[in-house]
Amino acid sequence: MRSISSRSNDEVVRASKLSMKKFRDEEGLFLCEGEKLFEEAVLYGEPYAVYVSEDSIDRLSEKTVSRLADPRLSGRVFALSRPAFEKISTEKSPQGVIASVHIPKTREPSEVKHAVNGGERTLVLDGVRDPSNVGGILRTAAAFGLGSVILIDCADPYGDRAVRASMGAVFRTHAELYEDVESASQLFASSKRRLVAAALTDDSETLGSFSAADDDIVVIGNEGHGISDEMLDLCTVTLRIPMAAGCESLNAGSAAAVILWEYFKNRL
């Protein structure tokens, strides 16, 4: 374990910049903070380096300490002074361990299209901008056995808030990123699967009495504006979630969880 005391050390500065998307994209790395996320990174991801706070080493779990010996991390485990560690950390109460991890490789559009046409369980997020919602939805998708989440103009799933909310689901579900509906529309052009939009329209069907097909692709929209007109035009069904009088909607994360459960329970 190599010791670093200075906040201006090149390794520390480089890692701290990964809190910004520009540098995550340039380096192909993102940060996972805390023992749980570090464990997920080692088990399911491709860790690059680990930063441990010197004053937390004795408090780390045996499991975390054993993971530090992963051969992929040989020569890349750093013991940092508190000031150096705090330069990298984005947590109010750091647990004392941060990993930098390779961003999972994005599949080619042709591969994603093949997966969609082949029936891979898929969710679409259209303009979901809250990183915590994106991460939470990835966690829900993983829990309910989805293979892919297609993110169209959404918050970066590899930012610290999204990664934290995902609780490691960024490693277990393919996150496919697209800038706009037009670039993603090719994925559904020849698919025979229904695109089911969580949206309130005059002909919306009601969750619970709705006949859900196992190969449906559910679409969740922006927190404030819902699903874009361009995406809605691609959808074949709109779906409403029944709720108490006076309540009009759920947030994106809650809506995704309720709808995906409706599909998942049919597989039990």
Protein backbone atom coordinates (compact mmCIF):
# COMPACT_ATOMS: atom_id res chain seq x y z
CA MET A 1 0.00 0.00 0.00
CA ARG A 2 1.54 3.28 -1.13
CA SER A 3 1.20 6.32 1.13
CA ILE A 4 0.21 9.78 -0.11
CA SER A 5 -0.05 12.79 2.19
CA SER A 6 -0.37 15.76 -0.20
CA ARG A 7 -3.68 16.96 -1.64
CA SER A 8 -1.76 18.18 -4.69
CA ASN A 9 -0.31 14.76 -5.49
CA ASP A 10 -0.95 13.88 -9.15
CA GLU A 11 -2.78 10.67 -8.24
CA VAL A 12 -5.08 12.50 -5.84
CA VAL A 13 -5.77 15.35 -8.27
CA ARG A 14 -6.53 12.91 -11.08
CA ALA A 15 -8.94 10.90 -8.92
CA SER A 16 -10.67 14.02 -7.60
CA LYS A 17 -11.43 15.18 -11.14
CA LEU A 18 -13.54 12.06 -11.71
CA SER A 19 -16.37 13.84 -9.92
CA MET A 20 -16.80 15.75 -13.22
CA LYS A 21 -18.35 14.05 -16.24
CA LYS A 22 -15.83 15.59 -18.65
CA PHE A 23 -12.97 13.83 -16.88
CA ARG A 24 -14.90 10.59 -16.41
CA ASP A 25 -15.38 10.46 -20.16
CA GLU A 26 -11.73 11.31 -20.85
CA GLU A 27 -10.33 8.78 -18.38
CA GLY A 28 -12.97 6.08 -18.84
CA LEU A 29 -13.19 5.81 -15.05
CA PHE A 30 -15.70 6.63 -12.34
CA LEU A 31 -15.68 6.57 -8.54
CA CYS A 32 -17.34 4.13 -6.15
CA GLU A 33 -17.26 5.27 -2.54
CA GLY A 34 -17.88 3.17 0.54
CA GLU A 35 -17.31 -0.47 1.44
CA LYS A 36 -20.46 -1.83 -0.21
CA LEU A 37 -19.77 -0.18 -3.57
CA PHE A 38 -16.10 -1.15 -3.40
CA GLU A 39 -17.13 -4.78 -2.91
CA GLU A 40 -19.54 -4.56 -5.87
CA ALA A 41 -16.79 -3.03 -8.01
CA VAL A 42 -14.40 -5.87 -7.25
CA LEU A 43 -17.04 -8.60 -7.73
CA TYR A 44 -18.77 -7.28 -10.85
CA GLY A 45 -16.68 -4.46 -12.29
CA GLU A 46 -13.13 -3.69 -13.38
CA PRO A 47 -11.46 -1.74 -10.57
CA TYR A 48 -8.49 0.44 -11.46
CA ALA A 49 -7.29 1.86 -8.13
CA VAL A 50 -8.33 2.13 -4.49
CA TYR A 51 -7.85 5.03 -2.08
CA VAL A 52 -8.02 4.30 1.65
CA SER A 53 -8.06 6.92 4.37
CA GLU A 54 -5.17 6.29 6.76
CA ASP A 55 -7.30 7.02 9.81
CA SER A 56 -9.96 4.50 8.68
CA ILE A 57 -7.77 1.49 7.86
CA ASP A 58 -8.29 -0.15 11.27
CA ARG A 59 -12.08 0.24 10.97
CA LEU A 60 -12.47 -1.44 7.58
CA SER A 61 -14.24 -4.79 7.54
CA GLU A 62 -12.29 -8.00 7.00
CA LYS A 63 -14.10 -8.45 3.71
CA THR A 64 -12.97 -5.03 2.47
CA VAL A 65 -9.38 -5.66 3.55
CA SER A 66 -9.37 -8.99 1.71
CA ARG A 67 -10.67 -7.30 -1.45
CA LEU A 68 -7.71 -4.91 -1.36
CA ALA A 69 -5.52 -7.90 -2.23
CA ASP A 70 -7.29 -8.42 -5.57
CA PRO A 71 -4.49 -8.97 -8.14
CA ARG A 72 -6.05 -6.41 -10.49
CA LEU A 73 -5.22 -3.77 -7.89
CA SER A 74 -1.56 -4.72 -7.55
CA GLY A 75 0.42 -1.53 -7.03
CA ARG A 76 -2.76 0.57 -7.20
CA VAL A 77 -3.81 0.67 -3.53
CA PHE A 78 -3.07 4.02 -1.89
CA ALA A 79 -3.19 5.04 1.79
CA LEU A 80 -4.15 8.71 1.90
CA SER A 81 -3.91 11.31 4.62
CA ARG A 82 -7.27 12.69 5.73
CA PRO A 83 -6.86 15.94 3.70
CA ALA A 84 -5.88 14.00 0.57
CA PHE A 85 -8.76 11.55 0.99
CA GLU A 86 -11.27 14.37 1.54
CA LYS A 87 -10.17 15.95 -1.75
CA ILE A 88 -11.49 12.86 -3.58
CA SER A 89 -14.49 12.04 -1.40
CA THR A 90 -17.96 13.39 -2.18
CA GLU A 91 -19.56 11.98 0.98
CA LYS A 92 -20.46 13.96 4.10
CA SER A 93 -19.50 10.98 6.28
CA PRO A 94 -16.84 9.03 4.34
CA GLN A 95 -16.43 5.32 5.11
CA GLY A 96 -12.74 5.44 4.31
CA VAL A 97 -12.48 3.65 0.98
CA ILE A 98 -12.96 4.87 -2.61
CA ALA A 99 -12.37 2.89 -5.79
CA SER A 100 -11.86 4.22 -9.27
CA VAL A 101 -13.43 1.77 -11.72
CA HIS A 102 -13.46 1.39 -15.48
CA ILE A 103 -16.73 2.54 -17.04
CA PRO A 104 -18.40 -0.58 -18.47
CA LYS A 105 -17.97 -0.94 -22.21
CA THR A 106 -20.93 0.33 -24.19
CA ARG A 107 -22.38 -2.15 -26.65
CA GLU A 108 -22.58 -1.20 -30.30
CA PRO A 109 -26.05 -0.01 -31.46
CA SER A 110 -26.32 -3.15 -33.58
CA GLU A 111 -25.71 -5.31 -30.50
CA VAL A 112 -28.32 -3.41 -28.49
CA LYS A 113 -30.80 -3.66 -31.34
CA HIS A 114 -30.16 -7.40 -31.56
CA ALA A 115 -30.78 -7.71 -27.82
CA VAL A 116 -34.00 -5.68 -28.07
CA ASN A 117 -35.26 -7.71 -31.02
CA GLY A 118 -34.21 -10.88 -29.22
CA GLY A 119 -36.42 -10.12 -26.25
CA GLU A 120 -33.91 -8.94 -23.64
CA ARG A 121 -35.89 -7.42 -20.80
CA THR A 122 -35.51 -3.68 -21.35
CA LEU A 123 -36.49 -0.37 -19.78
CA VAL A 124 -36.28 3.06 -21.45
CA LEU A 125 -35.66 6.29 -19.54
CA ASP A 126 -36.51 9.41 -21.52
CA GLY A 127 -35.00 12.61 -20.12
CA VAL A 128 -34.70 11.50 -16.48
CA ARG A 129 -32.38 14.21 -15.17
CA ASP A 130 -32.14 13.54 -11.44
CA PRO A 131 -29.02 11.41 -10.83
CA SER A 132 -30.58 9.80 -7.76
CA ASN A 133 -33.61 8.78 -9.81
CA VAL A 134 -31.37 7.30 -12.52
CA GLY A 135 -29.35 5.33 -9.98
CA GLY A 136 -32.42 4.20 -8.07
CA ILE A 137 -34.12 3.03 -11.25
CA LEU A 138 -31.02 1.06 -12.25
CA ARG A 139 -31.19 -0.62 -8.84
CA THR A 140 -34.87 -1.44 -9.36
CA ALA A 141 -34.19 -2.74 -12.88
CA ALA A 142 -31.48 -5.07 -11.59
CA ALA A 143 -33.74 -6.30 -8.77
CA PHE A 144 -36.47 -7.21 -11.25
CA GLY A 145 -34.15 -8.95 -13.68
CA LEU A 146 -33.90 -6.46 -16.54
CA GLY A 147 -30.92 -6.83 -18.84
CA SER A 148 -30.77 -3.30 -20.29
CA VAL A 149 -31.77 0.23 -19.40
CA ILE A 150 -31.72 2.60 -22.35
CA LEU A 151 -31.06 6.15 -21.17
CA ILE A 152 -32.04 8.91 -23.57
CA ASP A 153 -30.79 12.39 -22.62
CA CYS A 154 -30.57 11.40 -18.95
CA ALA A 155 -28.30 12.18 -16.02
CA ASP A 156 -24.95 10.39 -16.18
CA PRO A 157 -25.33 6.99 -14.46
CA TYR A 158 -21.63 7.14 -13.48
CA GLY A 159 -21.85 10.37 -11.46
CA ASP A 160 -21.44 10.03 -7.70
CA ARG A 161 -25.12 10.50 -6.78
CA ALA A 162 -26.32 8.02 -9.40
CA VAL A 163 -23.69 5.42 -8.48
CA ARG A 164 -24.54 5.78 -4.80
CA ALA A 165 -28.27 5.35 -5.45
CA SER A 166 -27.69 2.36 -7.70
CA MET A 167 -25.95 0.41 -4.91
CA GLY A 168 -23.83 -1.40 -7.46
CA ALA A 169 -26.51 -1.98 -10.10
CA VAL A 170 -24.36 -0.05 -12.59
CA PHE A 171 -22.30 -3.25 -12.78
CA ARG A 172 -25.23 -5.66 -13.18
CA THR A 173 -27.41 -3.97 -15.79
CA HIS A 174 -26.36 -2.69 -19.22
CA ALA A 175 -26.77 1.11 -19.24
CA GLU A 176 -27.05 2.16 -22.88
CA LEU A 177 -26.64 5.92 -23.39
CA TYR A 178 -28.21 7.93 -26.22
CA GLU A 179 -28.25 11.69 -26.72
CA ASP A 180 -31.76 11.94 -28.15
CA VAL A 181 -34.83 9.97 -29.24
CA GLU A 182 -33.82 10.08 -32.88
CA SER A 183 -30.53 8.27 -32.23
CA ALA A 184 -32.28 5.63 -30.11
CA SER A 185 -35.31 5.14 -32.36
CA GLN A 186 -33.41 2.74 -34.64
CA LEU A 187 -33.40 0.22 -31.79
CA PHE A 188 -37.17 -0.16 -32.00
CA ALA A 189 -37.71 0.33 -35.75
CA SER A 190 -38.15 -3.33 -36.65
CA SER A 191 -39.04 -4.68 -33.22
CA LYS A 192 -42.41 -6.37 -32.74
CA ARG A 193 -42.39 -5.61 -29.03
CA ARG A 194 -44.76 -3.07 -27.52
CA LEU A 195 -43.38 0.17 -26.14
CA VAL A 196 -45.50 0.92 -23.07
CA ALA A 197 -45.35 4.54 -21.91
CA ALA A 198 -46.04 5.57 -18.33
CA ALA A 199 -48.18 8.52 -19.42
CA LEU A 200 -51.67 9.88 -18.90
CA THR A 201 -53.61 10.22 -22.17
CA ASP A 202 -57.26 9.93 -23.14
CA ASP A 203 -56.87 6.24 -23.96
CA SER A 204 -54.46 5.23 -21.19
CA GLU A 205 -54.90 1.76 -19.78
CA THR A 206 -54.85 1.22 -16.02
CA LEU A 207 -52.10 -0.69 -14.27
CA GLY A 208 -53.64 -3.67 -12.50
CA SER A 209 -56.30 -4.33 -15.12
CA PHE A 210 -53.80 -3.95 -17.94
CA SER A 211 -52.66 -7.11 -19.72
CA ALA A 212 -48.88 -6.95 -19.41
CA ALA A 213 -46.83 -8.95 -21.92
CA ASP A 214 -43.49 -10.29 -20.72
CA ASP A 215 -41.63 -8.74 -23.65
CA ASP A 216 -43.09 -5.23 -23.27
CA ILE A 217 -40.58 -2.38 -23.11
CA VAL A 218 -41.59 0.12 -20.43
CA VAL A 219 -40.83 3.82 -20.97
CA ILE A 220 -40.43 6.27 -18.06
CA GLY A 221 -40.25 10.00 -18.73
CA ASN A 222 -38.80 13.19 -17.30
CA GLU A 223 -39.62 14.07 -13.69
CA GLY A 224 -41.47 17.26 -14.55
CA HIS A 225 -42.52 17.01 -18.19
CA GLY A 226 -43.05 13.30 -18.66
CA ILE A 227 -42.28 11.45 -21.87
CA SER A 228 -41.26 13.58 -24.84
CA ASP A 229 -43.61 13.84 -27.82
CA GLU A 230 -40.97 12.17 -30.01
CA MET A 231 -40.78 9.16 -27.69
CA LEU A 232 -44.53 9.03 -27.17
CA ASP A 233 -45.01 8.75 -30.94
CA LEU A 234 -43.01 5.50 -30.85
CA CYS A 235 -45.11 3.99 -28.06
CA THR A 236 -48.04 1.71 -28.78
CA VAL A 237 -49.69 1.82 -25.35
CA THR A 238 -49.94 4.39 -22.58
CA LEU A 239 -50.36 3.30 -19.00
CA ARG A 240 -51.60 5.09 -15.88
CA ILE A 241 -50.98 4.12 -12.27
CA PRO A 242 -54.18 4.34 -10.21
CA MET A 243 -53.81 6.42 -7.05
CA ALA A 244 -55.81 8.27 -4.42
CA ALA A 245 -57.91 11.29 -5.31
CA GLY A 246 -55.95 14.52 -5.40
CA CYS A 247 -52.70 12.79 -6.39
CA GLU A 248 -51.69 13.19 -10.01
CA SER A 249 -48.37 11.42 -10.33
CA LEU A 250 -45.42 9.63 -8.74
CA ASN A 251 -41.80 10.56 -9.21
CA ALA A 252 -39.92 8.72 -11.92
CA GLY A 253 -38.23 6.28 -9.57
CA SER A 254 -41.45 5.30 -7.80
CA ALA A 255 -43.36 4.95 -11.06
CA ALA A 256 -40.68 2.67 -12.48
CA ALA A 257 -40.72 0.48 -9.36
CA VAL A 258 -44.51 0.11 -9.34
CA ILE A 259 -44.76 -0.73 -13.04
CA LEU A 260 -41.78 -3.07 -13.13
CA TRP A 261 -43.15 -4.97 -10.13
CA GLU A 262 -46.41 -5.51 -12.03
CA TYR A 263 -44.40 -7.18 -14.78
CA PHE A 264 -42.08 -9.06 -12.45
CA LYS A 265 -44.83 -10.63 -10.35
CA ASN A 266 -46.11 -12.41 -13.44
CA ARG A 267 -42.82 -14.31 -13.57
CA LEU A 268 -43.01 -15.61 -10.01
